[in-house]
Amino acid sequence: MIIIPARLNSSRFANKILVDILGLPMVIKTAQQVSSLDKVVIATDSQEVIDLAKNHGFEAVMTSNAHQSGTDRINEAVNILNLDDNEIIINVQADEPFIEEDVVRTVINRVKKVKKYNEDIMITSCYKDISSELADDPNHVKVILDENSNAIYFSRAKVPYHRDHYDSSSYCGHLGIYGFTKKSLNKFCKLKCSKLENIEKLEQLRAIDNGFKIAMVKVDSKSFGIDTEDDLKNAIRIFKN
């Protein structure tokens, strides 16, 4: 199941999930992008979004307005829906209206391998190569990987630091797609918010801080999360055709 956490209020871009994306509200455009892969449910704290989802043929679940992260919101939703512990849950952010099907499919397939081989993995996510210039932007989260393609750290800072000022495109840009089983999602959300999570405002650091693994898969993608009005203008310019 694909669940889209859709908090109406945003500190950087008010009501951004409702802005027009080529004729559709952002959250609906995102849902349509991935609807061929699996059932899509929107988890929200807004009756307006509930009604909007219904009008466009999507199921929606009302969740608390007190959640500090999208993953906590989808955790409430999967428990309301009473899903099986082995159900694969994919968290697609509502501000990814141009996310490609292949990206989400790649994450789904990696979670299936985690289940099949009983790997010691709590979360699966994905990354793409980004330029040094893009890595300068704190809105584009970077991830550092170990030799097994598991995440060591996520940061808004430009990491790793090239001490010799090596001009390279070897920065890994994180995409906000997360894969769990319901069981691993419940386990993650029982963890207390961590110090690094609060500093960087990156919820995935909660898992690493507590000693759990995040498997990363490399994808090709032109998509990016829309965090600001400038991001919106840039996305429309790139994807309007």
Protein backbone atom coordinates (compact mmCIF):
# COMPACT_ATOMS: atom_id res chain seq x y z
CA MET A 1 0.00 0.00 0.00
CA ILE A 2 1.18 3.52 -0.81
CA ILE A 3 0.32 6.10 1.83
CA ILE A 4 0.75 9.81 1.24
CA PRO A 5 1.06 11.90 4.42
CA ALA A 6 -0.66 15.20 3.73
CA ARG A 7 -0.32 17.79 6.48
CA LEU A 8 -2.13 20.94 5.39
CA ASN A 9 0.00 23.52 7.20
CA SER A 10 3.61 23.98 6.18
CA SER A 11 6.04 26.38 7.84
CA ARG A 12 7.92 27.15 4.62
CA PHE A 13 5.05 27.13 2.11
CA ALA A 14 1.49 27.60 3.40
CA ASN A 15 -1.05 25.03 2.14
CA LYS A 16 1.44 23.85 -0.47
CA ILE A 17 -0.21 20.43 -0.93
CA LEU A 18 -3.26 22.23 -2.37
CA VAL A 19 -1.45 24.44 -4.90
CA ASP A 20 -2.23 23.90 -8.55
CA ILE A 21 0.07 21.50 -10.40
CA LEU A 22 -0.87 21.46 -14.06
CA GLY A 23 -4.59 21.58 -13.25
CA LEU A 24 -4.63 19.40 -10.12
CA PRO A 25 -4.01 20.02 -6.41
CA MET A 26 -0.47 18.89 -5.57
CA VAL A 27 -1.52 16.02 -3.29
CA ILE A 28 -3.87 14.63 -5.94
CA LYS A 29 -1.23 14.95 -8.67
CA THR A 30 1.17 13.00 -6.46
CA ALA A 31 -1.45 10.30 -5.80
CA GLN A 32 -2.15 9.93 -9.51
CA GLN A 33 1.57 9.60 -10.28
CA VAL A 34 1.80 6.35 -8.28
CA SER A 35 -1.75 5.00 -8.44
CA SER A 36 -0.91 2.28 -10.98
CA LEU A 37 1.61 0.66 -8.61
CA ASP A 38 -0.60 -0.15 -5.63
CA LYS A 39 -3.57 1.08 -3.67
CA VAL A 40 -3.08 4.71 -2.59
CA VAL A 41 -4.38 6.15 0.67
CA ILE A 42 -3.96 9.77 1.77
CA ALA A 43 -3.32 10.33 5.49
CA THR A 44 -4.22 13.87 6.51
CA ASP A 45 -5.24 16.18 9.34
CA SER A 46 -7.66 18.18 7.19
CA GLN A 47 -11.29 17.61 6.30
CA GLU A 48 -10.68 19.67 3.18
CA VAL A 49 -8.11 17.12 2.02
CA ILE A 50 -10.43 14.24 2.93
CA ASP A 51 -13.15 15.73 0.72
CA LEU A 52 -10.66 16.50 -2.05
CA ALA A 53 -9.40 12.93 -2.07
CA LYS A 54 -12.94 11.53 -2.21
CA ASN A 55 -13.81 13.81 -5.13
CA HIS A 56 -10.85 12.43 -7.08
CA GLY A 57 -11.49 8.78 -6.23
CA PHE A 58 -8.89 8.26 -3.51
CA GLU A 59 -9.36 6.88 -0.02
CA ALA A 60 -8.26 9.15 2.81
CA VAL A 61 -7.81 8.69 6.55
CA MET A 62 -8.14 11.42 9.18
CA THR A 63 -5.16 11.52 11.52
CA SER A 64 -4.00 13.68 14.41
CA ASN A 65 -2.77 17.22 13.82
CA ALA A 66 -0.07 16.71 16.48
CA HIS A 67 2.31 14.54 14.44
CA GLN A 68 5.83 15.88 14.02
CA SER A 69 6.65 13.76 10.97
CA GLY A 70 4.97 12.21 7.95
CA THR A 71 6.05 8.74 9.04
CA ASP A 72 4.29 9.12 12.38
CA ARG A 73 1.18 10.15 10.45
CA ILE A 74 1.19 7.11 8.17
CA ASN A 75 1.80 4.89 11.18
CA GLU A 76 -1.47 6.10 12.68
CA ALA A 77 -3.16 5.49 9.33
CA VAL A 78 -1.97 1.87 8.96
CA ASN A 79 -3.22 1.11 12.47
CA ILE A 80 -6.60 2.71 11.72
CA LEU A 81 -6.76 0.56 8.57
CA ASN A 82 -5.79 -2.51 10.63
CA LEU A 83 -3.28 -3.76 8.05
CA ASP A 84 -1.36 -7.00 8.41
CA ASP A 85 2.10 -6.78 10.01
CA ASN A 86 3.72 -8.03 6.79
CA GLU A 87 1.99 -5.51 4.53
CA ILE A 88 4.48 -3.41 2.56
CA ILE A 89 3.95 0.28 3.24
CA ILE A 90 5.43 2.92 0.95
CA ASN A 91 5.56 6.51 2.17
CA VAL A 92 5.44 8.93 -0.76
CA GLN A 93 5.62 12.59 0.23
CA ALA A 94 2.71 14.77 -0.88
CA ASP A 95 5.12 17.35 -2.29
CA GLU A 96 6.50 14.98 -4.97
CA PRO A 97 3.94 15.55 -7.78
CA PHE A 98 6.40 14.52 -10.49
CA ILE A 99 7.85 11.41 -8.88
CA GLU A 100 8.42 8.69 -11.44
CA GLU A 101 6.76 5.27 -11.19
CA ASP A 102 10.10 3.52 -11.65
CA VAL A 103 11.52 5.22 -8.56
CA VAL A 104 8.72 4.00 -6.32
CA ARG A 105 8.75 0.57 -7.94
CA THR A 106 12.47 0.25 -7.18
CA VAL A 107 11.84 0.94 -3.49
CA ILE A 108 8.94 -1.55 -3.43
CA ASN A 109 11.15 -4.25 -4.94
CA ARG A 110 13.90 -3.62 -2.39
CA VAL A 111 11.42 -3.95 0.50
CA LYS A 112 10.26 -7.25 -1.01
CA LYS A 113 13.87 -8.50 -0.87
CA VAL A 114 14.16 -7.39 2.76
CA LYS A 115 11.08 -9.51 3.54
CA LYS A 116 12.16 -12.49 1.44
CA TYR A 117 15.65 -12.76 2.89
CA ASN A 118 14.74 -11.55 6.38
CA GLU A 119 17.35 -8.79 6.21
CA ASP A 120 18.10 -6.70 9.28
CA ILE A 121 16.68 -3.52 7.72
CA MET A 122 14.18 -1.15 9.33
CA ILE A 123 13.60 1.28 6.41
CA THR A 124 14.27 1.29 2.67
CA SER A 125 14.74 4.53 0.77
CA CYS A 126 16.44 5.87 -2.37
CA TYR A 127 18.91 8.41 -3.68
CA LYS A 128 20.21 9.86 -6.91
CA ASP A 129 23.46 11.48 -7.99
CA ILE A 130 23.34 15.26 -7.69
CA SER A 131 25.74 18.00 -8.71
CA SER A 132 27.97 19.93 -6.36
CA GLU A 133 25.86 23.01 -7.00
CA LEU A 134 22.62 21.26 -6.05
CA ALA A 135 24.30 19.80 -2.98
CA ASP A 136 24.82 23.38 -1.74
CA ASP A 137 21.05 23.74 -1.24
CA PRO A 138 19.97 22.75 2.31
CA ASN A 139 16.50 21.91 1.00
CA HIS A 140 18.08 19.03 -0.95
CA VAL A 141 19.01 16.43 1.65
CA LYS A 142 22.24 14.51 1.19
CA VAL A 143 22.93 10.94 2.32
CA ILE A 144 26.23 9.19 3.00
CA LEU A 145 26.37 5.44 2.35
CA ASP A 146 28.49 2.60 3.65
CA GLU A 147 29.96 -0.11 1.41
CA ASN A 148 26.71 -2.10 1.62
CA SER A 149 24.59 0.83 0.39
CA ASN A 150 23.12 1.39 3.84
CA ALA A 151 22.76 4.96 5.07
CA ILE A 152 25.37 6.25 7.52
CA TYR A 153 23.98 9.77 7.83
CA PHE A 154 21.56 12.24 6.26
CA SER A 155 22.18 15.97 6.31
CA ARG A 156 21.08 19.29 4.92
CA ALA A 157 24.76 20.23 4.92
CA LYS A 158 26.99 19.53 1.94
CA VAL A 159 28.43 16.15 2.84
CA PRO A 160 30.85 14.53 2.41
CA TYR A 161 33.31 17.41 2.60
CA HIS A 162 35.98 17.14 -0.09
CA ARG A 163 39.06 18.28 1.79
CA ASP A 164 41.10 18.56 -1.40
CA HIS A 165 38.26 20.45 -3.08
CA TYR A 166 37.78 17.67 -5.56
CA ASP A 167 35.22 18.83 -8.12
CA SER A 168 32.92 15.85 -8.32
CA SER A 169 29.27 14.94 -8.78
CA SER A 170 29.64 12.26 -6.12
CA TYR A 171 26.94 13.69 -3.88
CA CYS A 172 23.97 11.48 -3.12
CA GLY A 173 20.70 13.37 -3.03
CA HIS A 174 18.02 11.72 -0.90
CA LEU A 175 14.50 11.30 -2.26
CA GLY A 176 11.74 11.28 0.35
CA ILE A 177 10.36 7.84 -0.50
CA TYR A 178 10.36 5.34 2.38
CA GLY A 179 9.52 1.64 2.41
CA PHE A 180 8.57 -0.42 5.47
CA THR A 181 6.60 -3.40 6.50
CA LYS A 182 3.82 -2.45 8.87
CA LYS A 183 5.76 -4.19 11.64
CA SER A 184 8.96 -2.21 11.04
CA LEU A 185 6.95 1.01 10.69
CA ASN A 186 5.30 0.43 14.07
CA LYS A 187 8.71 -0.30 15.59
CA PHE A 188 10.21 2.88 14.14
CA CYS A 189 7.40 5.03 15.46
CA LYS A 190 7.78 3.66 18.98
CA LEU A 191 11.30 5.12 19.09
CA LYS A 192 11.71 8.47 20.78
CA CYS A 193 12.62 11.45 18.62
CA SER A 194 16.40 11.71 18.61
CA LYS A 195 18.75 14.63 19.11
CA LEU A 196 20.05 14.59 15.54
CA GLU A 197 16.52 14.28 14.15
CA ASN A 198 15.56 17.45 15.99
CA ILE A 199 18.68 19.32 14.85
CA GLU A 200 18.46 18.46 11.14
CA LYS A 201 14.67 18.12 11.10
CA LEU A 202 15.09 14.80 9.29
CA GLU A 203 12.94 12.02 10.72
CA GLN A 204 14.99 9.17 9.21
CA LEU A 205 17.88 10.03 11.55
CA ARG A 206 15.77 8.59 14.37
CA ALA A 207 16.44 5.09 13.05
CA ILE A 208 20.19 5.58 12.63
CA ASP A 209 20.48 7.24 16.05
CA ASN A 210 18.93 4.12 17.57
CA GLY A 211 21.22 1.68 15.77
CA PHE A 212 18.87 0.51 13.00
CA LYS A 213 19.71 0.16 9.30
CA ILE A 214 18.30 2.06 6.35
CA ALA A 215 18.83 0.35 2.99
CA MET A 216 19.34 2.74 0.08
CA VAL A 217 18.78 2.08 -3.61
CA LYS A 218 20.07 4.25 -6.42
CA VAL A 219 17.52 5.61 -8.89
CA ASP A 220 17.38 7.91 -11.88
CA SER A 221 14.98 10.75 -11.30
CA LYS A 222 14.37 14.32 -12.38
CA SER A 223 11.81 14.82 -9.62
CA PHE A 224 12.36 16.81 -6.44
CA GLY A 225 10.29 17.75 -3.42
CA ILE A 226 8.58 21.12 -3.56
CA ASP A 227 9.50 22.91 -0.34
CA THR A 228 9.29 26.55 -1.44
CA GLU A 229 7.49 28.73 -3.98
CA ASP A 230 10.73 28.91 -5.96
CA ASP A 231 10.77 25.09 -6.10
CA LEU A 232 7.21 25.20 -7.45
CA LYS A 233 8.11 27.67 -10.21
CA ASN A 234 11.14 25.60 -11.14
CA ALA A 235 9.15 22.34 -11.22
CA ILE A 236 6.43 23.78 -13.44
CA ARG A 237 9.07 25.14 -15.80
CA ILE A 238 10.77 21.74 -16.04
CA PHE A 239 7.75 19.44 -16.17
CA LYS A 240 5.01 21.47 -17.87
CA ASN A 241 5.54 19.66 -21.16
